Protein backbone atom coordinates (compact mmCIF):
# COMPACT_ATOMS: atom_id res chain seq x y z
CA MET A 1 2.68 16.61 -40.59
CA VAL A 2 3.98 13.08 -41.22
CA ILE A 3 7.60 12.65 -42.28
CA ASN A 4 9.88 9.91 -43.43
CA ALA A 5 13.31 10.93 -42.22
CA PRO A 6 16.39 8.91 -43.21
CA ILE A 7 17.52 8.76 -39.59
CA LEU A 8 14.17 7.16 -38.71
CA GLU A 9 13.94 4.39 -41.26
CA LYS A 10 12.17 2.34 -38.62
CA CYS A 11 10.97 2.87 -35.07
CA LEU A 12 13.18 1.51 -32.30
CA LEU A 13 10.22 -0.31 -30.71
CA CYS A 14 7.71 -1.28 -33.40
CA GLY A 15 9.58 -0.90 -36.68
CA CYS A 16 7.11 1.63 -38.13
CA SER A 17 8.61 4.06 -40.67
CA HIS A 18 6.04 6.86 -40.28
CA HIS A 19 6.71 9.68 -37.85
CA ALA A 20 4.83 12.89 -37.09
CA TYR A 21 6.26 16.25 -36.04
CA VAL A 22 5.57 17.15 -32.40
CA PHE A 23 7.75 20.01 -31.20
CA SER A 24 11.01 21.86 -31.87
CA ARG A 25 13.17 24.34 -30.02
CA GLU A 26 16.65 25.61 -30.79
CA HIS A 27 18.82 22.69 -31.95
CA TYR A 28 16.36 19.81 -31.77
CA SER A 29 13.18 18.60 -33.46
CA VAL A 30 11.04 15.97 -31.79
CA VAL A 31 8.85 13.55 -33.76
CA HIS A 32 6.75 10.63 -32.63
CA CYS A 33 6.12 7.22 -34.15
CA THR A 34 2.56 7.27 -35.46
CA ASN A 35 2.11 3.61 -34.48
CA CYS A 36 3.47 3.22 -30.93
CA GLY A 37 4.08 6.85 -29.97
CA LEU A 38 7.82 6.75 -29.16
CA LEU A 39 9.29 10.28 -29.16
CA VAL A 40 12.61 10.79 -30.94
CA ASP A 41 14.91 13.81 -31.27
CA ILE A 42 16.00 13.57 -34.91
CA ASN A 43 18.76 16.21 -34.52
CA PHE A 44 20.16 14.90 -31.26
CA ASN A 45 23.80 15.78 -30.58
CA PRO A 46 24.99 14.49 -27.18
CA LYS A 47 26.60 17.13 -25.01
CA TYR A 48 27.15 15.24 -21.81
CA GLU A 49 29.16 18.03 -20.26
CA ASN A 50 25.93 20.06 -20.20
CA ASN A 51 23.72 17.16 -19.20
CA SER A 52 25.47 15.62 -16.23
CA GLN A 53 23.65 17.23 -13.31
CA TYR A 54 20.43 16.05 -11.73
CA SER A 55 17.98 18.48 -10.21
CA ILE A 56 17.77 18.77 -6.44
CA LYS A 57 14.48 16.86 -6.48
CA SER A 58 16.00 14.09 -8.61
CA ILE A 59 19.08 13.81 -6.39
CA SER A 60 16.79 13.41 -3.39
CA ARG A 61 14.89 10.65 -5.19
CA VAL A 62 18.05 8.81 -6.27
CA THR A 63 19.47 9.06 -2.74
CA GLU A 64 16.28 7.61 -1.30
CA VAL A 65 16.58 4.60 -3.62
CA ILE A 66 20.32 4.01 -3.09
CA GLN A 67 19.82 3.93 0.68
CA GLN A 68 17.81 0.72 0.29
CA PHE A 69 20.85 -1.24 -0.95
CA ASN A 70 23.79 -2.67 0.94
CA GLY A 71 25.20 -5.18 -1.56
CA ASP A 72 27.28 -4.83 -4.72
CA ILE A 73 26.13 -2.25 -7.27
CA THR A 74 27.03 -1.89 -10.93
CA LEU A 75 26.39 1.58 -12.36
CA ILE A 76 26.12 1.77 -16.15
CA THR A 77 26.50 5.33 -17.40
CA THR A 78 28.75 7.64 -19.45
CA ARG A 79 31.96 9.37 -18.47
CA ASP A 80 30.01 12.48 -17.54
CA GLY A 81 27.29 10.46 -15.86
CA LYS A 82 30.03 8.93 -13.73
CA LYS A 83 31.05 12.39 -12.58
CA SER A 84 27.56 13.23 -11.37
CA LEU A 85 26.62 9.87 -9.83
CA GLN A 86 29.74 8.23 -8.46
CA SER A 87 30.13 10.61 -5.54
CA LEU A 88 26.41 10.42 -4.84
CA PHE A 89 26.49 6.61 -4.64
CA GLU A 90 29.67 6.55 -2.56
CA LYS A 91 28.47 9.24 -0.17
CA THR A 92 25.02 7.73 0.28
CA CYS A 93 26.08 4.12 0.81
CA ASP A 94 29.76 3.93 1.75
CA SER A 95 29.60 0.20 2.60
CA ILE A 96 28.78 -0.96 -0.94
CA TYR A 97 31.13 -2.18 -3.60
CA LEU A 98 30.53 0.14 -6.55
CA LYS A 99 31.51 -0.86 -10.09
CA ILE A 100 31.09 1.69 -12.88
CA ILE A 101 30.83 0.72 -16.55
CA ASP A 102 30.71 3.12 -19.49
CA PHE A 103 28.13 2.29 -22.16
CA GLU A 104 30.98 2.18 -24.69
CA ASN A 105 32.66 -0.67 -22.78
CA LEU A 106 29.53 -2.57 -21.82
CA ASN A 107 29.97 -5.46 -24.25
CA THR A 108 33.50 -6.21 -23.01
CA THR A 109 33.03 -5.80 -19.26
CA SER A 110 31.47 -8.15 -16.70
CA ILE A 111 28.42 -6.62 -15.01
CA GLY A 112 28.68 -8.69 -11.82
CA ASN A 113 25.95 -10.28 -9.73
CA GLY A 114 24.77 -7.28 -7.73
CA THR A 115 22.07 -4.76 -8.49
CA ILE A 116 22.44 -2.98 -11.82
CA PHE A 117 21.71 0.74 -12.08
CA VAL A 118 21.28 2.30 -15.54
CA ASP A 119 21.21 6.08 -15.61
CA ASP A 120 19.34 8.53 -17.86
CA HIS A 121 22.14 8.68 -20.47
CA PHE A 122 20.80 5.31 -21.56
CA LEU A 123 18.28 7.21 -23.70
CA ASP A 124 21.09 9.06 -25.51
CA GLN A 125 22.55 5.87 -26.99
CA ASN A 126 22.11 4.97 -30.66
CA ASP A 127 20.30 1.70 -29.92
CA PRO A 128 18.93 1.31 -26.36
CA VAL A 129 17.07 -1.85 -27.43
CA SER A 130 20.35 -3.63 -28.21
CA ILE A 131 21.67 -2.55 -24.81
CA LEU A 132 18.56 -3.96 -23.12
CA HIS A 133 19.03 -7.29 -24.93
CA MET A 134 22.71 -7.38 -24.00
CA LEU A 135 22.01 -6.71 -20.32
CA ARG A 136 19.16 -9.20 -20.18
CA ASP A 137 21.28 -11.99 -21.68
CA ARG A 138 24.06 -11.40 -19.14
CA MET A 139 21.90 -11.08 -16.03
CA ILE A 140 21.08 -13.92 -13.63
CA GLU A 141 17.46 -14.85 -12.89
CA SER A 142 17.00 -13.06 -9.57
CA GLN A 143 19.08 -10.00 -10.40
CA ASP A 144 17.46 -6.57 -10.11
CA ILE A 145 18.00 -3.84 -12.66
CA ILE A 146 17.05 -0.26 -11.80
CA PHE A 147 16.59 2.44 -14.42
CA LEU A 148 16.91 6.11 -13.45
CA ILE A 149 14.99 7.52 -16.40
CA GLU A 150 13.45 10.89 -17.14
CA LEU A 151 9.92 10.21 -18.40
CA VAL A 152 7.83 12.74 -20.26
CA GLY A 153 4.23 13.22 -19.19
CA GLY A 154 2.14 10.26 -20.25
CA ASN A 155 -0.90 12.06 -21.60
CA HIS A 156 -1.57 14.70 -24.25
CA LYS A 157 -2.30 17.40 -21.70
CA TRP A 158 1.18 17.17 -20.19
CA LEU A 159 3.17 16.15 -23.28
CA ARG A 160 3.90 19.58 -24.76
CA GLU A 161 4.59 21.09 -21.33
CA SER A 162 6.97 18.19 -20.63
CA LEU A 163 8.92 18.87 -23.80
CA ILE A 164 9.07 22.60 -23.21
CA SER A 165 10.11 22.34 -19.54
CA ARG A 166 12.68 19.60 -20.07
CA LYS A 167 16.06 21.24 -19.45
CA PHE A 168 18.17 18.94 -21.63
CA SER A 169 17.49 17.06 -24.81
CA ALA A 170 17.76 13.29 -25.29
CA ARG A 171 17.72 10.99 -28.30
CA TYR A 172 14.62 9.07 -27.11
CA TRP A 173 11.92 10.51 -24.87
CA PRO A 174 9.60 7.76 -23.53
CA ASP A 175 6.60 8.09 -21.32
CA TRP A 176 5.82 5.33 -18.80
CA ASN A 177 3.79 3.25 -21.25
CA ILE A 178 6.48 3.37 -23.94
CA PHE A 179 9.31 2.51 -21.55
CA HIS A 180 7.30 -0.40 -20.14
CA LYS A 181 6.76 -1.72 -23.67
CA LEU A 182 10.48 -1.38 -24.44
CA LEU A 183 11.22 -3.62 -21.44
CA ILE A 184 8.51 -6.15 -22.32
CA ALA A 185 9.75 -6.26 -25.95
CA THR A 186 13.25 -7.15 -24.72
CA ASN A 187 12.07 -9.92 -22.36
CA TYR A 188 12.02 -8.20 -18.99
CA GLU A 189 9.27 -8.73 -16.44
CA LYS A 190 8.18 -7.61 -12.97
CA VAL A 191 8.44 -4.04 -14.17
CA TRP A 192 7.48 -1.53 -11.50
CA LEU A 193 7.38 2.26 -11.61
CA ASN A 194 8.34 3.17 -8.07
CA ASN A 195 7.06 6.74 -8.21
CA PRO A 196 3.94 6.73 -10.39
CA GLU A 197 3.26 10.39 -9.69
CA CYS A 198 6.20 11.29 -11.95
CA ASP A 199 4.05 10.47 -14.97
CA LYS A 200 1.35 12.96 -13.97
CA ASN A 201 3.41 16.12 -13.58
CA GLY A 202 5.40 16.52 -16.73
CA SER A 203 9.02 15.51 -17.26
CA GLN A 204 10.57 14.06 -14.09
CA LEU A 205 13.07 11.43 -13.04
CA ALA A 206 11.48 7.99 -12.59
CA VAL A 207 12.84 4.93 -10.82
CA ILE A 208 11.85 1.75 -12.66
CA SER A 209 12.81 -1.75 -11.49
CA ALA A 210 12.70 -5.00 -13.49
CA ARG A 211 14.05 -8.55 -13.74
CA ILE A 212 14.75 -10.87 -16.65
CA GLY A 213 11.71 -12.65 -18.07
CA ILE A 214 10.91 -15.73 -20.12
CA LYS A 215 11.67 -15.65 -23.82
CA HIS A 216 8.98 -16.93 -26.18
CA ASP A 217 9.68 -17.56 -29.86
CA ARG A 218 6.19 -16.21 -30.58
CA PRO A 219 3.80 -14.19 -28.41
CA LEU A 220 1.72 -16.48 -26.17
CA VAL A 221 -1.85 -15.50 -25.33
CA SER A 222 -3.41 -17.00 -22.20
CA VAL A 223 -7.20 -17.15 -22.64
CA ILE A 224 -8.77 -17.39 -19.17
CA MET A 225 -12.28 -18.86 -19.19
CA PRO A 226 -14.26 -18.90 -15.90
CA VAL A 227 -17.10 -21.45 -16.05
CA PHE A 228 -20.13 -22.02 -13.82
CA ASN A 229 -23.42 -23.59 -14.93
CA GLU A 230 -22.89 -23.09 -18.67
CA TYR A 231 -24.05 -26.52 -19.88
CA SER A 232 -25.94 -25.22 -22.90
CA THR A 233 -23.10 -23.05 -24.26
CA PHE A 234 -19.82 -24.38 -22.86
CA GLU A 235 -18.87 -26.90 -25.53
CA GLN A 236 -19.61 -24.53 -28.36
CA SER A 237 -17.68 -21.75 -26.61
CA ILE A 238 -14.53 -23.73 -25.90
CA ASN A 239 -14.54 -25.34 -29.33
CA ARG A 240 -14.64 -21.90 -30.92
CA VAL A 241 -11.60 -20.85 -28.88
CA LEU A 242 -9.77 -24.11 -29.61
CA SER A 243 -10.28 -23.67 -33.34
CA LYS A 244 -9.28 -20.00 -33.27
CA GLU A 245 -5.91 -19.16 -34.82
CA ILE A 246 -4.11 -15.81 -34.71
CA SER A 247 -1.30 -15.25 -37.19
CA GLY A 248 2.10 -15.32 -35.49
CA VAL A 249 0.62 -16.00 -32.04
CA ASP A 250 0.25 -19.12 -29.86
CA ILE A 251 -2.77 -19.65 -27.59
CA GLU A 252 -3.22 -21.50 -24.30
CA ILE A 253 -6.66 -21.90 -22.71
CA ILE A 254 -7.13 -21.92 -18.94
CA VAL A 255 -10.58 -23.10 -17.87
CA VAL A 256 -11.54 -22.48 -14.24
CA GLU A 257 -14.68 -24.50 -13.43
CA SER A 258 -16.48 -23.68 -10.18
CA ASN A 259 -18.24 -26.99 -9.40
CA SER A 260 -21.30 -26.45 -11.59
CA THR A 261 -24.60 -28.07 -10.63
CA ASP A 262 -25.91 -28.52 -14.19
CA GLY A 263 -23.39 -31.03 -15.56
CA THR A 264 -20.95 -28.53 -17.09
CA ARG A 265 -18.02 -30.18 -15.30
CA ASN A 266 -18.75 -33.47 -17.06
CA LEU A 267 -18.45 -31.68 -20.40
CA LEU A 268 -15.16 -30.08 -19.35
CA ILE A 269 -13.58 -33.40 -18.34
CA LYS A 270 -13.66 -34.45 -22.01
CA TYR A 271 -10.90 -31.88 -22.65
CA TRP A 272 -8.59 -33.26 -19.99
CA GLY A 273 -5.30 -34.04 -21.66
CA ASN A 274 -5.73 -31.55 -24.50
CA LYS A 275 -2.34 -29.84 -24.83
CA LYS A 276 -3.91 -26.44 -25.39
CA VAL A 277 -6.20 -26.63 -22.33
CA ASN A 278 -5.26 -26.23 -18.67
CA ILE A 279 -8.06 -27.09 -16.24
CA ILE A 280 -8.62 -25.84 -12.71
CA LEU A 281 -11.48 -27.49 -10.77
CA GLN A 282 -12.74 -25.46 -7.82
CA ASP A 283 -14.49 -27.21 -4.94
CA ILE A 284 -17.15 -24.51 -4.58
CA PRO A 285 -18.22 -21.46 -6.64
CA ARG A 286 -16.53 -18.31 -5.31
CA GLY A 287 -17.42 -15.90 -8.10
CA LYS A 288 -16.20 -14.98 -11.56
CA GLY A 289 -13.48 -12.67 -10.22
CA HIS A 290 -12.05 -15.38 -7.98
CA ALA A 291 -11.99 -17.81 -10.92
CA VAL A 292 -10.16 -15.32 -13.14
CA ARG A 293 -7.64 -14.67 -10.39
CA GLU A 294 -6.89 -18.40 -10.15
CA GLY A 295 -6.37 -18.47 -13.89
CA LEU A 296 -4.02 -15.48 -13.74
CA ALA A 297 -1.91 -17.27 -11.14
CA ILE A 298 -0.94 -20.06 -13.56
CA ALA A 299 -1.03 -18.18 -16.87
CA LYS A 300 2.20 -18.51 -18.85
CA GLY A 301 1.31 -16.06 -21.60
CA ASP A 302 2.82 -12.70 -22.37
CA ILE A 303 -0.74 -11.54 -23.04
CA ILE A 304 -3.91 -12.19 -21.03
CA LEU A 305 -7.38 -12.37 -22.64
CA ILE A 306 -10.51 -13.00 -20.55
CA GLN A 307 -13.26 -15.09 -22.24
CA ASP A 308 -16.64 -16.10 -20.79
CA ALA A 309 -18.11 -19.53 -21.51
CA ASP A 310 -21.33 -18.16 -22.98
CA LEU A 311 -21.89 -17.01 -26.56
CA GLU A 312 -22.33 -13.27 -26.03
CA TYR A 313 -18.99 -12.42 -27.66
CA ASP A 314 -17.33 -13.40 -30.95
CA VAL A 315 -13.87 -15.03 -30.89
CA ASN A 316 -13.24 -13.58 -34.37
CA ASP A 317 -12.61 -10.28 -32.57
CA TYR A 318 -9.43 -11.79 -31.05
CA ASP A 319 -7.36 -10.72 -34.07
CA ALA A 320 -8.02 -7.00 -33.69
CA LEU A 321 -7.73 -7.07 -29.89
CA VAL A 322 -4.43 -8.95 -29.78
CA ASP A 323 -2.96 -7.01 -32.71
CA GLU A 324 -3.13 -3.81 -30.66
CA LEU A 325 -0.64 -5.37 -28.25
CA THR A 326 1.60 -7.34 -30.60
CA SER A 327 2.03 -4.25 -32.81
CA TRP A 328 2.98 -2.25 -29.65
CA ARG A 329 0.20 0.31 -30.10
CA SER A 330 -1.27 -0.39 -26.68
CA SER A 331 -0.64 -2.27 -23.44
CA PHE A 332 -4.28 -2.69 -22.40
CA VAL A 333 -7.32 -3.13 -24.65
CA LEU A 334 -11.05 -3.29 -23.97
CA GLY A 335 -13.43 -4.88 -26.47
CA SER A 336 -16.13 -2.25 -26.28
CA ARG A 337 -19.78 -3.24 -26.65
CA HIS A 338 -20.72 0.43 -26.72
CA THR A 339 -20.85 1.58 -30.35
CA GLY A 340 -23.05 4.65 -29.95
CA ASN A 341 -26.26 2.83 -29.01
CA LEU A 342 -26.97 3.17 -25.31
CA LYS A 343 -29.14 0.07 -25.38
CA MET A 344 -26.43 -2.60 -25.40
CA ARG A 345 -28.66 -5.09 -23.64
CA LYS A 346 -31.91 -6.08 -25.34
CA PHE A 347 -33.62 -8.84 -23.40
CA THR A 348 -36.65 -9.67 -25.52
CA ASP A 349 -38.34 -11.38 -22.59
CA MET A 350 -37.39 -8.70 -20.02
CA PRO A 351 -37.31 -5.23 -21.71
CA ILE A 352 -37.74 -3.27 -18.45
CA ILE A 353 -34.85 -5.15 -16.79
CA ALA A 354 -32.71 -4.56 -19.88
CA ASN A 355 -33.33 -0.80 -19.72
CA LEU A 356 -32.55 -0.79 -16.00
CA TYR A 357 -29.19 -2.46 -16.62
CA ASN A 358 -28.42 -0.11 -19.50
CA LEU A 359 -29.09 2.84 -17.20
CA GLY A 360 -26.90 1.27 -14.51
CA HIS A 361 -24.10 0.91 -17.05
CA ILE A 362 -24.21 4.65 -17.78
CA ILE A 363 -24.19 5.53 -14.08
CA PHE A 364 -21.24 3.31 -13.16
CA VAL A 365 -19.19 4.27 -16.21
CA SER A 366 -19.72 7.95 -15.36
CA LEU A 367 -18.68 7.32 -11.77
CA ILE A 368 -15.46 5.53 -12.73
CA ASN A 369 -14.57 8.17 -15.32
CA TYR A 370 -15.07 10.89 -12.73
CA LEU A 371 -13.08 9.10 -10.04
CA ILE A 372 -10.00 8.19 -12.09
CA LYS A 373 -10.16 10.95 -14.73
CA THR A 374 -10.70 8.72 -17.76
CA ASN A 375 -13.10 8.73 -20.71
CA LEU A 376 -14.02 5.05 -20.92
CA LYS A 377 -17.17 3.80 -22.61
CA ASP A 378 -17.27 0.15 -21.56
CA PRO A 379 -14.93 -0.75 -18.68
CA PHE A 380 -17.16 -3.72 -17.77
CA THR A 381 -16.77 -5.61 -21.02
CA MET A 382 -15.68 -9.21 -20.65
CA TYR A 383 -13.00 -8.77 -23.35
CA LYS A 384 -10.08 -7.35 -21.39
CA VAL A 385 -6.71 -7.92 -23.05
CA PHE A 386 -3.38 -6.78 -21.55
CA TYR A 387 0.25 -7.67 -21.11
CA LYS A 388 0.47 -9.92 -18.10
CA ASP A 389 3.26 -7.79 -16.70
CA CYS A 390 0.86 -4.83 -16.45
CA ILE A 391 -0.75 -6.41 -13.37
CA TYR A 392 2.57 -7.15 -11.63
CA GLY A 393 2.42 -5.85 -8.07
CA LEU A 394 -1.37 -5.49 -8.06
CA ASN A 395 -3.04 -7.64 -5.43
CA PHE A 396 -6.64 -8.32 -6.44
CA ARG A 397 -9.14 -9.08 -3.71
CA TYR A 398 -12.64 -8.95 -5.23
CA LYS A 399 -14.35 -12.21 -6.17
CA ARG A 400 -17.53 -11.50 -8.08
CA PHE A 401 -18.28 -9.12 -10.95
CA ASP A 402 -16.69 -6.32 -8.92
CA PHE A 403 -13.39 -7.76 -10.15
CA ASP A 404 -14.10 -6.05 -13.49
CA HIS A 405 -14.11 -2.70 -11.67
CA GLU A 406 -11.00 -3.54 -9.66
CA LEU A 407 -8.98 -4.67 -12.68
CA VAL A 408 -9.76 -1.60 -14.79
CA ILE A 409 -9.33 0.95 -11.99
CA LYS A 410 -6.01 -0.50 -10.80
CA LEU A 411 -4.57 -0.81 -14.30
CA CYS A 412 -5.58 2.78 -15.11
CA ARG A 413 -4.12 4.07 -11.86
CA LYS A 414 -0.89 2.19 -12.61
CA GLY A 415 -0.67 4.15 -15.85
CA PHE A 416 -2.20 1.78 -18.43
CA CYS A 417 -5.24 3.57 -19.79
CA PRO A 418 -6.95 1.18 -22.23
CA THR A 419 -7.65 1.48 -25.93
CA GLU A 420 -11.28 0.60 -26.67
CA ILE A 421 -12.05 -1.37 -29.83
CA PRO A 422 -15.63 -2.18 -30.93
CA VAL A 423 -16.55 -5.87 -30.75
CA ASN A 424 -19.58 -7.97 -31.62
CA TYR A 425 -21.97 -8.53 -28.73
CA ILE A 426 -25.31 -10.31 -28.35
CA ALA A 427 -26.61 -9.97 -24.80
CA ARG A 428 -28.28 -12.93 -23.12
CA SER A 429 -31.06 -12.48 -20.58
CA PHE A 430 -31.39 -13.89 -17.08
CA SER A 431 -33.62 -16.66 -18.33
CA GLU A 432 -30.68 -17.64 -20.58
CA GLY A 433 -28.19 -17.77 -17.72
CA LYS A 434 -27.01 -14.23 -17.01
CA LYS A 435 -25.72 -14.06 -13.42
CA VAL A 436 -24.88 -10.47 -12.46
CA SER A 437 -27.31 -9.19 -9.83
CA PHE A 438 -28.35 -5.54 -9.58
CA LEU A 439 -29.05 -5.86 -5.84
CA LYS A 440 -26.22 -8.21 -4.85
CA ASP A 441 -23.56 -6.60 -7.02
CA GLY A 442 -24.59 -3.16 -8.21
CA ILE A 443 -25.31 -1.44 -4.91
CA SER A 444 -21.91 -2.36 -3.44
CA TRP A 445 -20.00 -1.13 -6.52
CA ILE A 446 -20.33 2.55 -5.63
CA GLN A 447 -18.48 2.14 -2.33
CA LYS A 448 -15.89 -0.17 -3.88
CA ASP A 449 -15.20 2.14 -6.83
CA ILE A 450 -14.59 5.08 -4.51
CA GLN A 451 -12.31 3.00 -2.32
CA LEU A 452 -10.35 1.66 -5.31
CA ALA A 453 -9.87 5.17 -6.69
CA TYR A 454 -8.32 6.60 -3.55
CA GLU A 455 -6.61 3.80 -1.62
CA PRO A 456 -2.81 3.45 -2.04
CA ILE A 457 -1.89 1.54 -5.16
CA ASP A 458 -0.51 -1.92 -4.43
CA ASN A 459 3.23 -2.57 -4.16
CA PRO A 460 4.98 -5.77 -5.27
CA LYS A 461 6.95 -5.99 -2.01
CA LEU A 462 9.54 -8.08 -3.80
CA GLY A 463 13.29 -7.73 -4.17
CA THR A 464 15.23 -4.81 -2.86
CA LEU A 465 12.68 -2.11 -3.63
CA SER A 466 9.94 -3.45 -1.31
């Protein structure tokens, strides 16, 4: 059932006016935005006196976090939140200077230069987005902000159980993906969920850290193009990207050239000085993954898009891929080559090799889906589009085509399961320059996929929550 309720004239995050009924119990009815998925209690009536106590498990988690700080702390809460947290902060870390600000007085009170804590009553306010903007504009560049937020389970299996088991209501009920997008939309960066398991077990307190980010007047997309021995296709490829325009979006192109032996570098030099093109010249070829990682290191965009220098893909698909992010429907998008036909690769000169690679695709997709509990169809597509902040804290180490596996597995494990959108694809054969090797690459992927699925997820090791 889709409703248009007066109280929900537009979504807090994306501005959509269409909302669908999800769940109700006693005094509240929960709906979700049909575009971005934000959950809202349309009958919310704050009763802080009944919502001022954390569970024993949550208190333990908050205490663990507070113990990592010894400087000034500003706690932003409500009067009742103050009752439940002030003693906990003072008891846990008696050497700190603790300043407490009520949400009602936030716009008239200095927040100080220490670490800012924002408690769960933040989600009870009329306009949390305005509060995020206000805080961001008053913070200094290196200042940490920590949110103590109750997230609902981030997948459909847990969602209803999260809503049923949640002890108290709230005005807004985000999952990890939604809260991350709220922070990105209000110009925060280096967002890190410090206990990712909270998103897998229903509604639980989460500790989320962030810092202020760069403001762009319009979304900026960084197109990262790794190049090695692409003489016959490079100029046509880069010219297509240079001529591509996306409504309301700016584009920068980062070309990472790996010392080609066929004259490709000489073609690239012609673009030196082009304001839209940043060029990285590697001394030796170290693999596609290594080249993409170098591009990521200098990317200035809010959004990352990976583009090969061949002609297998169509830049006209950019619009649909990027729109998923700029409309706040998704944080991570894959341009899927798999549209129901298992034979994605059709090498006219090598039909047996094509079938072998198609079979390999099925095997490795099945393995990854089994290992990380997803239902992906084409995790190895070149078109991977995501908010740059999604990869914050992830330390990539693979250099060849195994980087495709590493990127997808780590993003999924961090909580960003991708949306897959069909794209145009014309496979090229090995005689036309295809470089992935079944023996050199494929055999090692099984071991690497298993390792990536079970090793500890990376940690940013920055700031006070390292």
